Amino acid sequence: MGQGNFAEFWPEYVRAHSDAGTRALHFVGTLLGWGILVVALVTRHWWWIVLALVVPYALAWIGHFFVEHNRPATFEHPLWSWWADQKMVGIMMAGKMGEEVQKWRVEEMKDKRV
C-alpha cells in the first residue's frame, strides 16, 4: 500500500476487508477493546489496558490470516489502520458497510479497465 494520506488509504483498506467474516471479527474486536478499556479504567485494573489492545488485534489478524487471506494494514500504516477500524465499525453500526465495500469494488473495476 503506497498511499500518501488517509483518503487514499481508505479504499485499499475497504478492499482488504471485503469478506463479511473479516469485518465481523474487526467489529467484535474493536467493541471488545473499547469495553475492556472502559472496565480497566473504572476498576483501575491497569494491566487490562494491555488486553484492550491485544484482543482487537488478535481478532482482526485472525480475520486477515484465516478468513480474508491477506496481510493486515497494521504493519505498514498502524495509525491509519487503527483509525480505519474505528471508521469501519461506525459505518457497520449504521448498516452501510456493505455499500461501502461495493462502492470501492466498482471503483477498482473502473480503474482496471482504464
PDB file of N, CA and C in Angstrom:
ATOM      1  N   MET A   1       0.837  -1.175   0.000  1.00  0.00           N
ATOM      2  CA  MET A   1       0.000   0.000   0.000  1.00  0.00           C
ATOM      3  C   MET A   1       0.880   1.235   0.000  1.00  0.00           C
ATOM      4  N   GLY A   2       0.824   2.024  -1.053  1.00  0.00           N
ATOM      5  CA  GLY A   2       1.663   3.195  -1.152  1.00  0.00           C
ATOM      6  C   GLY A   2       0.880   4.488  -1.126  1.00  0.00           C
ATOM      7  N   GLN A   3      -0.049   4.631  -0.194  1.00  0.00           N
ATOM      8  CA  GLN A   3      -0.884   5.810  -0.115  1.00  0.00           C
ATOM      9  C   GLN A   3      -0.174   6.938   0.624  1.00  0.00           C
ATOM     10  N   GLY A   4      -0.488   8.174   0.194  1.00  0.00           N
ATOM     11  CA  GLY A   4       0.127   9.327   0.833  1.00  0.00           C
ATOM     12  C   GLY A   4      -0.730   9.965   1.904  1.00  0.00           C
ATOM     13  N   ASN A   5      -2.005   9.579   1.978  1.00  0.00           N
ATOM     14  CA  ASN A   5      -2.873  10.144   3.000  1.00  0.00           C
ATOM     15  C   ASN A   5      -4.011   9.161   3.300  1.00  0.00           C
ATOM     16  N   PHE A   6      -4.784   9.477   4.313  1.00  0.00           N
ATOM     17  CA  PHE A   6      -5.842   8.569   4.736  1.00  0.00           C
ATOM     18  C   PHE A   6      -6.903   8.386   3.658  1.00  0.00           C
ATOM     19  N   ALA A   7      -7.217   9.437   2.932  1.00  0.00           N
ATOM     20  CA  ALA A   7      -8.233   9.344   1.871  1.00  0.00           C
ATOM     21  C   ALA A   7      -7.813   8.339   0.791  1.00  0.00           C
ATOM     22  N   GLU A   8      -6.527   8.246   0.513  1.00  0.00           N
ATOM     23  CA  GLU A   8      -6.026   7.267  -0.454  1.00  0.00           C
ATOM     24  C   GLU A   8      -5.936   5.875   0.173  1.00  0.00           C
ATOM     25  N   PHE A   9      -5.698   5.830   1.457  1.00  0.00           N
ATOM     26  CA  PHE A   9      -5.588   4.558   2.183  1.00  0.00           C
ATOM     27  C   PHE A   9      -6.944   3.867   2.319  1.00  0.00           C
ATOM     28  N   TRP A  10      -7.997   4.630   2.570  1.00  0.00           N
ATOM     29  CA  TRP A  10      -9.312   4.073   2.871  1.00  0.00           C
ATOM     30  C   TRP A  10      -9.817   3.076   1.824  1.00  0.00           C
ATOM     31  N   PRO A  11      -9.804   3.376   0.521  1.00  0.00           N
ATOM     32  CA  PRO A  11     -10.297   2.391  -0.449  1.00  0.00           C
ATOM     33  C   PRO A  11      -9.547   1.059  -0.393  1.00  0.00           C
ATOM     34  N   GLU A  12      -8.233   1.114  -0.209  1.00  0.00           N
ATOM     35  CA  GLU A  12      -7.450  -0.119  -0.107  1.00  0.00           C
ATOM     36  C   GLU A  12      -7.810  -0.881   1.166  1.00  0.00           C
ATOM     37  N   TYR A  13      -8.021  -0.147   2.224  1.00  0.00           N
ATOM     38  CA  TYR A  13      -8.425  -0.759   3.492  1.00  0.00           C
ATOM     39  C   TYR A  13      -9.762  -1.479   3.318  1.00  0.00           C
ATOM     40  N   VAL A  14     -10.713  -0.800   2.684  1.00  0.00           N
ATOM     41  CA  VAL A  14     -12.037  -1.404   2.469  1.00  0.00           C
ATOM     42  C   VAL A  14     -11.917  -2.673   1.632  1.00  0.00           C
ATOM     43  N   ARG A  15     -11.129  -2.627   0.571  1.00  0.00           N
ATOM     44  CA  ARG A  15     -10.955  -3.810  -0.281  1.00  0.00           C
ATOM     45  C   ARG A  15     -10.312  -4.965   0.480  1.00  0.00           C
ATOM     46  N   ALA A  16      -9.445  -4.640   1.445  1.00  0.00           N
ATOM     47  CA  ALA A  16      -8.786  -5.669   2.256  1.00  0.00           C
ATOM     48  C   ALA A  16      -9.734  -6.265   3.293  1.00  0.00           C
ATOM     49  N   HIS A  17     -10.943  -5.696   3.386  1.00  0.00           N
ATOM     50  CA  HIS A  17     -11.953  -6.161   4.335  1.00  0.00           C
ATOM     51  C   HIS A  17     -13.244  -6.498   3.598  1.00  0.00           C
ATOM     52  N   SER A  18     -13.107  -7.087   2.424  1.00  0.00           N
ATOM     53  CA  SER A  18     -14.285  -7.355   1.600  1.00  0.00           C
ATOM     54  C   SER A  18     -15.111  -8.529   2.107  1.00  0.00           C
ATOM     55  N   ASP A  19     -14.513  -9.428   2.868  1.00  0.00           N
ATOM     56  CA  ASP A  19     -15.242 -10.571   3.409  1.00  0.00           C
ATOM     57  C   ASP A  19     -15.973 -10.163   4.694  1.00  0.00           C
ATOM     58  N   ALA A  20     -17.257 -10.478   4.749  1.00  0.00           N
ATOM     59  CA  ALA A  20     -18.066 -10.108   5.917  1.00  0.00           C
ATOM     60  C   ALA A  20     -17.536 -10.740   7.203  1.00  0.00           C
ATOM     61  N   GLY A  21     -16.923 -11.915   7.104  1.00  0.00           N
ATOM     62  CA  GLY A  21     -16.352 -12.557   8.291  1.00  0.00           C
ATOM     63  C   GLY A  21     -15.201 -11.761   8.887  1.00  0.00           C
ATOM     64  N   THR A  22     -14.361 -11.224   8.016  1.00  0.00           N
ATOM     65  CA  THR A  22     -13.258 -10.377   8.480  1.00  0.00           C
ATOM     66  C   THR A  22     -13.803  -9.135   9.165  1.00  0.00           C
ATOM     67  N   ARG A  23     -14.788  -8.519   8.528  1.00  0.00           N
ATOM     68  CA  ARG A  23     -15.378  -7.313   9.115  1.00  0.00           C
ATOM     69  C   ARG A  23     -16.039  -7.612  10.456  1.00  0.00           C
ATOM     70  N   ALA A  24     -16.688  -8.769  10.566  1.00  0.00           N
ATOM     71  CA  ALA A  24     -17.335  -9.137  11.832  1.00  0.00           C
ATOM     72  C   ALA A  24     -16.307  -9.302  12.944  1.00  0.00           C
ATOM     73  N   LEU A  25     -15.195  -9.929  12.629  1.00  0.00           N
ATOM     74  CA  LEU A  25     -14.142 -10.087  13.641  1.00  0.00           C
ATOM     75  C   LEU A  25     -13.578  -8.734  14.062  1.00  0.00           C
ATOM     76  N   HIS A  26     -13.404  -7.823  13.109  1.00  0.00           N
ATOM     77  CA  HIS A  26     -12.953  -6.469  13.447  1.00  0.00           C
ATOM     78  C   HIS A  26     -13.985  -5.767  14.334  1.00  0.00           C
ATOM     79  N   PHE A  27     -15.239  -5.898  13.975  1.00  0.00           N
ATOM     80  CA  PHE A  27     -16.323  -5.261  14.722  1.00  0.00           C
ATOM     81  C   PHE A  27     -16.326  -5.728  16.170  1.00  0.00           C
ATOM     82  N   VAL A  28     -16.335  -7.042  16.359  1.00  0.00           N
ATOM     83  CA  VAL A  28     -16.351  -7.605  17.707  1.00  0.00           C
ATOM     84  C   VAL A  28     -15.091  -7.207  18.467  1.00  0.00           C
ATOM     85  N   GLY A  29     -13.940  -7.322  17.808  1.00  0.00           N
ATOM     86  CA  GLY A  29     -12.682  -6.983  18.465  1.00  0.00           C
ATOM     87  C   GLY A  29     -12.599  -5.527  18.878  1.00  0.00           C
ATOM     88  N   THR A  30     -13.015  -4.638  17.998  1.00  0.00           N
ATOM     89  CA  THR A  30     -12.956  -3.204  18.300  1.00  0.00           C
ATOM     90  C   THR A  30     -13.874  -2.859  19.462  1.00  0.00           C
ATOM     91  N   LEU A  31     -15.095  -3.368  19.434  1.00  0.00           N
ATOM     92  CA  LEU A  31     -16.025  -3.071  20.533  1.00  0.00           C
ATOM     93  C   LEU A  31     -15.562  -3.706  21.842  1.00  0.00           C
ATOM     94  N   LEU A  32     -15.034  -4.926  21.773  1.00  0.00           N
ATOM     95  CA  LEU A  32     -14.479  -5.541  22.985  1.00  0.00           C
ATOM     96  C   LEU A  32     -13.309  -4.722  23.523  1.00  0.00           C
ATOM     97  N   GLY A  33     -12.455  -4.247  22.628  1.00  0.00           N
ATOM     98  CA  GLY A  33     -11.314  -3.437  23.044  1.00  0.00           C
ATOM     99  C   GLY A  33     -11.746  -2.192  23.796  1.00  0.00           C
ATOM    100  N   TRP A  34     -12.719  -1.488  23.240  1.00  0.00           N
ATOM    101  CA  TRP A  34     -13.220  -0.287  23.930  1.00  0.00           C
ATOM    102  C   TRP A  34     -13.874  -0.659  25.259  1.00  0.00           C
ATOM    103  N   GLY A  35     -14.622  -1.751  25.273  1.00  0.00           N
ATOM    104  CA  GLY A  35     -15.267  -2.192  26.511  1.00  0.00           C
ATOM    105  C   GLY A  35     -14.256  -2.556  27.587  1.00  0.00           C
ATOM    106  N   ILE A  36     -13.239  -3.289  27.194  1.00  0.00           N
ATOM    107  CA  ILE A  36     -12.192  -3.679  28.148  1.00  0.00           C
ATOM    108  C   ILE A  36     -11.467  -2.447  28.664  1.00  0.00           C
ATOM    109  N   LEU A  37     -11.212  -1.486  27.791  1.00  0.00           N
ATOM    110  CA  LEU A  37     -10.544  -0.249  28.221  1.00  0.00           C
ATOM    111  C   LEU A  37     -11.378   0.499  29.258  1.00  0.00           C
ATOM    112  N   VAL A  38     -12.664   0.621  29.022  1.00  0.00           N
ATOM    113  CA  VAL A  38     -13.545   1.303  29.973  1.00  0.00           C
ATOM    114  C   VAL A  38     -13.541   0.581  31.314  1.00  0.00           C
ATOM    115  N   VAL A  39     -13.678  -0.733  31.270  1.00  0.00           N
ATOM    116  CA  VAL A  39     -13.670  -1.515  32.520  1.00  0.00           C
ATOM    117  C   VAL A  39     -12.330  -1.361  33.234  1.00  0.00           C
ATOM    118  N   ALA A  40     -11.238  -1.374  32.485  1.00  0.00           N
ATOM    119  CA  ALA A  40      -9.906  -1.210  33.093  1.00  0.00           C
ATOM    120  C   ALA A  40      -9.796   0.132  33.815  1.00  0.00           C
ATOM    121  N   LEU A  41     -10.304   1.165  33.190  1.00  0.00           N
ATOM    122  CA  LEU A  41     -10.224   2.498  33.793  1.00  0.00           C
ATOM    123  C   LEU A  41     -11.138   2.624  35.016  1.00  0.00           C
ATOM    124  N   VAL A  42     -12.344   2.111  34.902  1.00  0.00           N
ATOM    125  CA  VAL A  42     -13.306   2.201  36.010  1.00  0.00           C
ATOM    126  C   VAL A  42     -12.848   1.383  37.210  1.00  0.00           C
ATOM    127  N   THR A  43     -12.350   0.178  36.960  1.00  0.00           N
ATOM    128  CA  THR A  43     -11.947  -0.714  38.058  1.00  0.00           C
ATOM    129  C   THR A  43     -10.487  -0.523  38.471  1.00  0.00           C
ATOM    130  N   ARG A  44      -9.775   0.273  37.708  1.00  0.00           N
ATOM    131  CA  ARG A  44      -8.345   0.512  37.949  1.00  0.00           C
ATOM    132  C   ARG A  44      -7.504  -0.757  37.872  1.00  0.00           C
ATOM    133  N   HIS A  45      -7.927  -1.642  37.001  1.00  0.00           N
ATOM    134  CA  HIS A  45      -7.125  -2.825  36.681  1.00  0.00           C
ATOM    135  C   HIS A  45      -6.255  -2.446  35.485  1.00  0.00           C
ATOM    136  N   TRP A  46      -5.158  -1.790  35.752  1.00  0.00           N
ATOM    137  CA  TRP A  46      -4.359  -1.172  34.695  1.00  0.00           C
ATOM    138  C   TRP A  46      -3.805  -2.172  33.694  1.00  0.00           C
ATOM    139  N   TRP A  47      -3.509  -3.381  34.129  1.00  0.00           N
ATOM    140  CA  TRP A  47      -2.961  -4.366  33.193  1.00  0.00           C
ATOM    141  C   TRP A  47      -3.983  -4.774  32.142  1.00  0.00           C
ATOM    142  N   TRP A  48      -5.283  -4.533  32.396  1.00  0.00           N
ATOM    143  CA  TRP A  48      -6.318  -4.838  31.407  1.00  0.00           C
ATOM    144  C   TRP A  48      -6.192  -3.963  30.165  1.00  0.00           C
ATOM    145  N   ILE A  49      -5.501  -2.850  30.309  1.00  0.00           N
ATOM    146  CA  ILE A  49      -5.291  -1.978  29.141  1.00  0.00           C
ATOM    147  C   ILE A  49      -4.540  -2.752  28.057  1.00  0.00           C
ATOM    148  N   VAL A  50      -3.631  -3.616  28.474  1.00  0.00           N
ATOM    149  CA  VAL A  50      -2.923  -4.459  27.511  1.00  0.00           C
ATOM    150  C   VAL A  50      -3.929  -5.346  26.768  1.00  0.00           C
ATOM    151  N   LEU A  51      -4.873  -5.911  27.503  1.00  0.00           N
ATOM    152  CA  LEU A  51      -5.915  -6.733  26.874  1.00  0.00           C
ATOM    153  C   LEU A  51      -6.755  -5.910  25.892  1.00  0.00           C
ATOM    154  N   ALA A  52      -6.986  -4.651  26.240  1.00  0.00           N
ATOM    155  CA  ALA A  52      -7.778  -3.776  25.367  1.00  0.00           C
ATOM    156  C   ALA A  52      -7.084  -3.562  24.030  1.00  0.00           C
ATOM    157  N   LEU A  53      -5.792  -3.752  23.985  1.00  0.00           N
ATOM    158  CA  LEU A  53      -5.040  -3.658  22.731  1.00  0.00           C
ATOM    159  C   LEU A  53      -4.889  -5.018  22.061  1.00  0.00           C
ATOM    160  N   VAL A  54      -4.621  -6.041  22.842  1.00  0.00           N
ATOM    161  CA  VAL A  54      -4.345  -7.371  22.288  1.00  0.00           C
ATOM    162  C   VAL A  54      -5.602  -8.008  21.685  1.00  0.00           C
ATOM    163  N   VAL A  55      -6.717  -7.936  22.364  1.00  0.00           N
ATOM    164  CA  VAL A  55      -7.939  -8.607  21.902  1.00  0.00           C
ATOM    165  C   VAL A  55      -8.372  -8.120  20.518  1.00  0.00           C
ATOM    166  N   PRO A  56      -8.487  -6.806  20.288  1.00  0.00           N
ATOM    167  CA  PRO A  56      -8.909  -6.372  18.955  1.00  0.00           C
ATOM    168  C   PRO A  56      -7.941  -6.782  17.850  1.00  0.00           C
ATOM    169  N   TYR A  57      -6.660  -6.629  18.112  1.00  0.00           N
ATOM    170  CA  TYR A  57      -5.684  -7.004  17.085  1.00  0.00           C
ATOM    171  C   TYR A  57      -5.687  -8.504  16.828  1.00  0.00           C
ATOM    172  N   ALA A  58      -5.816  -9.304  17.876  1.00  0.00           N
ATOM    173  CA  ALA A  58      -5.850 -10.757  17.696  1.00  0.00           C
ATOM    174  C   ALA A  58      -7.030 -11.159  16.822  1.00  0.00           C
ATOM    175  N   LEU A  59      -8.203 -10.636  17.108  1.00  0.00           N
ATOM    176  CA  LEU A  59      -9.376 -10.990  16.304  1.00  0.00           C
ATOM    177  C   LEU A  59      -9.247 -10.475  14.874  1.00  0.00           C
ATOM    178  N   ALA A  60      -8.742  -9.253  14.717  1.00  0.00           N
ATOM    179  CA  ALA A  60      -8.572  -8.704  13.371  1.00  0.00           C
ATOM    180  C   ALA A  60      -7.576  -9.533  12.567  1.00  0.00           C
ATOM    181  N   TRP A  61      -6.471  -9.901  13.181  1.00  0.00           N
ATOM    182  CA  TRP A  61      -5.456 -10.668  12.463  1.00  0.00           C
ATOM    183  C   TRP A  61      -5.948 -12.073  12.128  1.00  0.00           C
ATOM    184  N   ILE A  62      -6.750 -12.666  12.998  1.00  0.00           N
ATOM    185  CA  ILE A  62      -7.365 -13.956  12.659  1.00  0.00           C
ATOM    186  C   ILE A  62      -8.196 -13.794  11.390  1.00  0.00           C
ATOM    187  N   GLY A  63      -8.948 -12.702  11.329  1.00  0.00           N
ATOM    188  CA  GLY A  63      -9.743 -12.435  10.134  1.00  0.00           C
ATOM    189  C   GLY A  63      -8.899 -12.296   8.885  1.00  0.00           C
ATOM    190  N   HIS A  64      -7.796 -11.589   8.999  1.00  0.00           N
ATOM    191  CA  HIS A  64      -6.945 -11.388   7.820  1.00  0.00           C
ATOM    192  C   HIS A  64      -6.235 -12.680   7.402  1.00  0.00           C
ATOM    193  N   PHE A  65      -5.642 -13.374   8.343  1.00  0.00           N
ATOM    194  CA  PHE A  65      -4.842 -14.545   8.006  1.00  0.00           C
ATOM    195  C   PHE A  65      -5.676 -15.762   7.641  1.00  0.00           C
ATOM    196  N   PHE A  66      -6.835 -15.945   8.286  1.00  0.00           N
ATOM    197  CA  PHE A  66      -7.593 -17.181   8.102  1.00  0.00           C
ATOM    198  C   PHE A  66      -8.914 -17.020   7.351  1.00  0.00           C
ATOM    199  N   VAL A  67      -9.428 -15.813   7.247  1.00  0.00           N
ATOM    200  CA  VAL A  67     -10.687 -15.594   6.523  1.00  0.00           C
ATOM    201  C   VAL A  67     -10.408 -14.896   5.197  1.00  0.00           C
ATOM    202  N   GLU A  68      -9.785 -13.739   5.274  1.00  0.00           N
ATOM    203  CA  GLU A  68      -9.539 -12.917   4.076  1.00  0.00           C
ATOM    204  C   GLU A  68      -8.287 -13.375   3.324  1.00  0.00           C
ATOM    205  N   HIS A  69      -7.360 -14.005   4.037  1.00  0.00           N
ATOM    206  CA  HIS A  69      -6.091 -14.483   3.464  1.00  0.00           C
ATOM    207  C   HIS A  69      -5.277 -13.338   2.871  1.00  0.00           C
ATOM    208  N   ASN A  70      -5.128 -12.276   3.665  1.00  0.00           N
ATOM    209  CA  ASN A  70      -4.286 -11.160   3.249  1.00  0.00           C
ATOM    210  C   ASN A  70      -3.510 -10.641   4.454  1.00  0.00           C
ATOM    211  N   ARG A  71      -2.719  -9.627   4.228  1.00  0.00           N
ATOM    212  CA  ARG A  71      -1.842  -9.082   5.267  1.00  0.00           C
ATOM    213  C   ARG A  71      -2.494  -7.859   5.897  1.00  0.00           C
ATOM    214  N   PRO A  72      -2.571  -7.794   7.231  1.00  0.00           N
ATOM    215  CA  PRO A  72      -3.168  -6.631   7.878  1.00  0.00           C
ATOM    216  C   PRO A  72      -2.430  -5.337   7.535  1.00  0.00           C
ATOM    217  N   ALA A  73      -3.180  -4.272   7.359  1.00  0.00           N
ATOM    218  CA  ALA A  73      -2.595  -2.964   7.059  1.00  0.00           C
ATOM    219  C   ALA A  73      -1.833  -2.393   8.247  1.00  0.00           C
ATOM    220  N   THR A  74      -2.044  -2.973   9.417  1.00  0.00           N
ATOM    221  CA  THR A  74      -1.384  -2.516  10.639  1.00  0.00           C
ATOM    222  C   THR A  74       0.130  -2.457  10.482  1.00  0.00           C
ATOM    223  N   PHE A  75       0.687  -3.389   9.721  1.00  0.00           N
ATOM    224  CA  PHE A  75       2.137  -3.470   9.604  1.00  0.00           C
ATOM    225  C   PHE A  75       2.736  -2.285   8.857  1.00  0.00           C
ATOM    226  N   GLU A  76       2.007  -1.731   7.896  1.00  0.00           N
ATOM    227  CA  GLU A  76       2.534  -0.613   7.104  1.00  0.00           C
ATOM    228  C   GLU A  76       2.014   0.743   7.564  1.00  0.00           C
ATOM    229  N   HIS A  77       0.777   0.795   8.031  1.00  0.00           N
ATOM    230  CA  HIS A  77       0.152   2.055   8.437  1.00  0.00           C
ATOM    231  C   HIS A  77      -0.610   1.857   9.749  1.00  0.00           C
ATOM    232  N   PRO A  78       0.100   1.730  10.878  1.00  0.00           N
ATOM    233  CA  PRO A  78      -0.580   1.410  12.132  1.00  0.00           C
ATOM    234  C   PRO A  78      -1.630   2.436  12.564  1.00  0.00           C
ATOM    235  N   LEU A  79      -1.344   3.723  12.428  1.00  0.00           N
ATOM    236  CA  LEU A  79      -2.313   4.728  12.878  1.00  0.00           C
ATOM    237  C   LEU A  79      -3.506   4.823  11.927  1.00  0.00           C
ATOM    238  N   TRP A  80      -3.229   4.823  10.631  1.00  0.00           N
ATOM    239  CA  TRP A  80      -4.335   4.847   9.664  1.00  0.00           C
ATOM    240  C   TRP A  80      -5.184   3.602   9.798  1.00  0.00           C
ATOM    241  N   SER A  81      -4.556   2.481  10.034  1.00  0.00           N
ATOM    242  CA  SER A  81      -5.277   1.225  10.197  1.00  0.00           C
ATOM    243  C   SER A  81      -6.198   1.295  11.413  1.00  0.00           C
ATOM    244  N   TRP A  82      -5.685   1.812  12.519  1.00  0.00           N
ATOM    245  CA  TRP A  82      -6.499   1.951  13.726  1.00  0.00           C
ATOM    246  C   TRP A  82      -7.676   2.883  13.455  1.00  0.00           C
ATOM    247  N   TRP A  83      -7.410   4.014  12.815  1.00  0.00           N
ATOM    248  CA  TRP A  83      -8.480   4.970  12.519  1.00  0.00           C
ATOM    249  C   TRP A  83      -9.495   4.352  11.556  1.00  0.00           C
ATOM    250  N   ALA A  84      -9.024   3.618  10.564  1.00  0.00           N
ATOM    251  CA  ALA A  84      -9.920   2.970   9.606  1.00  0.00           C
ATOM    252  C   ALA A  84     -10.786   1.924  10.309  1.00  0.00           C
ATOM    253  N   ASP A  85     -10.232   1.204  11.284  1.00  0.00           N
ATOM    254  CA  ASP A  85     -11.036   0.250  12.056  1.00  0.00           C
ATOM    255  C   ASP A  85     -12.192   0.967  12.748  1.00  0.00           C
ATOM    256  N   GLN A  86     -11.885   2.105  13.356  1.00  0.00           N
ATOM    257  CA  GLN A  86     -12.927   2.859  14.056  1.00  0.00           C
ATOM    258  C   GLN A  86     -13.993   3.339  13.070  1.00  0.00           C
ATOM    259  N   LYS A  87     -13.538   3.839  11.927  1.00  0.00           N
ATOM    260  CA  LYS A  87     -14.460   4.315  10.892  1.00  0.00           C
ATOM    261  C   LYS A  87     -15.326   3.170  10.386  1.00  0.00           C
ATOM    262  N   MET A  88     -14.708   2.018  10.118  1.00  0.00           N
ATOM    263  CA  MET A  88     -15.450   0.872   9.611  1.00  0.00           C
ATOM    264  C   MET A  88     -16.503   0.421  10.614  1.00  0.00           C
ATOM    265  N   VAL A  89     -16.158   0.364  11.884  1.00  0.00           N
ATOM    266  CA  VAL A  89     -17.126  -0.053  12.902  1.00  0.00           C
ATOM    267  C   VAL A  89     -18.296   0.935  12.942  1.00  0.00           C
ATOM    268  N   GLY A  90     -18.007   2.216  12.838  1.00  0.00           N
ATOM    269  CA  GLY A  90     -19.079   3.209  12.807  1.00  0.00           C
ATOM    270  C   GLY A  90     -19.996   3.014  11.609  1.00  0.00           C
ATOM    271  N   ILE A  91     -19.404   2.759  10.449  1.00  0.00           N
ATOM    272  CA  ILE A  91     -20.204   2.527   9.241  1.00  0.00           C
ATOM    273  C   ILE A  91     -21.008   1.233   9.386  1.00  0.00           C
ATOM    274  N   MET A  92     -20.397   0.223  10.005  1.00  0.00           N
ATOM    275  CA  MET A  92     -21.116  -1.036  10.232  1.00  0.00           C
ATOM    276  C   MET A  92     -22.294  -0.819  11.178  1.00  0.00           C
ATOM    277  N   MET A  93     -22.106  -0.014  12.204  1.00  0.00           N
ATOM    278  CA  MET A  93     -23.190   0.256  13.144  1.00  0.00           C
ATOM    279  C   MET A  93     -24.342   0.983  12.453  1.00  0.00           C
ATOM    280  N   ALA A  94     -24.016   1.742  11.426  1.00  0.00           N
ATOM    281  CA  ALA A  94     -25.044   2.439  10.648  1.00  0.00           C
ATOM    282  C   ALA A  94     -25.654   1.525   9.582  1.00  0.00           C
ATOM    283  N   GLY A  95     -25.114   0.306   9.445  1.00  0.00           N
ATOM    284  CA  GLY A  95     -25.629  -0.642   8.471  1.00  0.00           C
ATOM    285  C   GLY A  95     -25.257  -0.326   7.032  1.00  0.00           C
ATOM    286  N   LYS A  96     -24.134   0.383   6.835  1.00  0.00           N
ATOM    287  CA  LYS A  96     -23.766   0.845   5.496  1.00  0.00           C
ATOM    288  C   LYS A  96     -22.460   0.269   4.965  1.00  0.00           C
ATOM    289  N   MET A  97     -21.829  -0.645   5.686  1.00  0.00           N
ATOM    290  CA  MET A  97     -20.511  -1.109   5.253  1.00  0.00           C
ATOM    291  C   MET A  97     -20.577  -1.946   3.983  1.00  0.00           C
ATOM    292  N   GLY A  98     -21.626  -2.711   3.803  1.00  0.00           N
ATOM    293  CA  GLY A  98     -21.772  -3.473   2.569  1.00  0.00           C
ATOM    294  C   GLY A  98     -21.785  -2.556   1.356  1.00  0.00           C
ATOM    295  N   GLU A  99     -22.461  -1.429   1.482  1.00  0.00           N
ATOM    296  CA  GLU A  99     -22.494  -0.441   0.398  1.00  0.00           C
ATOM    297  C   GLU A  99     -21.104   0.145   0.157  1.00  0.00           C
ATOM    298  N   GLU A 100     -20.375   0.382   1.225  1.00  0.00           N
ATOM    299  CA  GLU A 100     -19.018   0.946   1.106  1.00  0.00           C
ATOM    300  C   GLU A 100     -18.096  -0.031   0.385  1.00  0.00           C
ATOM    301  N   VAL A 101     -18.195  -1.309   0.719  1.00  0.00           N
ATOM    302  CA  VAL A 101     -17.385  -2.335   0.053  1.00  0.00           C
ATOM    303  C   VAL A 101     -17.728  -2.372  -1.431  1.00  0.00           C
ATOM    304  N   GLN A 102     -19.004  -2.380  -1.743  1.00  0.00           N
ATOM    305  CA  GLN A 102     -19.433  -2.428  -3.141  1.00  0.00           C
ATOM    306  C   GLN A 102     -18.953  -1.192  -3.908  1.00  0.00           C
ATOM    307  N   LYS A 103     -19.037  -0.044  -3.287  1.00  0.00           N
ATOM    308  CA  LYS A 103     -18.592   1.209  -3.917  1.00  0.00           C
ATOM    309  C   LYS A 103     -17.134   1.122  -4.343  1.00  0.00           C
ATOM    310  N   TRP A 104     -16.279   0.638  -3.466  1.00  0.00           N
ATOM    311  CA  TRP A 104     -14.855   0.594  -3.781  1.00  0.00           C
ATOM    312  C   TRP A 104     -14.501  -0.571  -4.690  1.00  0.00           C
ATOM    313  N   ARG A 105     -15.314  -1.627  -4.715  1.00  0.00           N
ATOM    314  CA  ARG A 105     -15.127  -2.696  -5.702  1.00  0.00           C
ATOM    315  C   ARG A 105     -15.399  -2.167  -7.100  1.00  0.00           C
ATOM    316  N   VAL A 106     -16.473  -1.402  -7.235  1.00  0.00           N
ATOM    317  CA  VAL A 106     -16.831  -0.812  -8.532  1.00  0.00           C
ATOM    318  C   VAL A 106     -15.728   0.131  -8.990  1.00  0.00           C
ATOM    319  N   GLU A 107     -15.221   0.954  -8.083  1.00  0.00           N
ATOM    320  CA  GLU A 107     -14.133   1.880  -8.428  1.00  0.00           C
ATOM    321  C   GLU A 107     -12.893   1.124  -8.883  1.00  0.00           C
ATOM    322  N   GLU A 108     -12.594   0.019  -8.205  1.00  0.00           N
ATOM    323  CA  GLU A 108     -11.432  -0.790  -8.571  1.00  0.00           C
ATOM    324  C   GLU A 108     -11.609  -1.363  -9.980  1.00  0.00           C
ATOM    325  N   MET A 109     -12.800  -1.820 -10.295  1.00  0.00           N
ATOM    326  CA  MET A 109     -13.074  -2.372 -11.627  1.00  0.00           C
ATOM    327  C   MET A 109     -12.935  -1.292 -12.694  1.00  0.00           C
ATOM    328  N   LYS A 110     -13.385  -0.081 -12.402  1.00  0.00           N
ATOM    329  CA  LYS A 110     -13.234   1.033 -13.340  1.00  0.00           C
ATOM    330  C   LYS A 110     -11.755   1.326 -13.591  1.00  0.00           C
ATOM    331  N   ASP A 111     -10.963   1.324 -12.514  1.00  0.00           N
ATOM    332  CA  ASP A 111      -9.535   1.598 -12.634  1.00  0.00           C
ATOM    333  C   ASP A 111      -8.828   0.541 -13.469  1.00  0.00           C
ATOM    334  N   LYS A 112      -9.244  -0.713 -13.347  1.00  0.00           N
ATOM    335  CA  LYS A 112      -8.617  -1.807 -14.107  1.00  0.00           C
ATOM    336  C   LYS A 112      -8.943  -1.725 -15.584  1.00  0.00           C
ATOM    337  N   ARG A 113     -10.090  -1.148 -15.932  1.00  0.00           N
ATOM    338  CA  ARG A 113     -10.481  -1.038 -17.334  1.00  0.00           C
ATOM    339  C   ARG A 113      -9.745   0.086 -18.053  1.00  0.00           C
ATOM    340  N   VAL A 114      -9.257   1.049 -17.306  1.00  0.00           N
ATOM    341  CA  VAL A 114      -8.598   2.208 -17.919  1.00  0.00           C
ATOM    342  C   VAL A 114      -7.207   1.879 -18.355  1.00  0.00           C
TER     343      VAL A 114
END
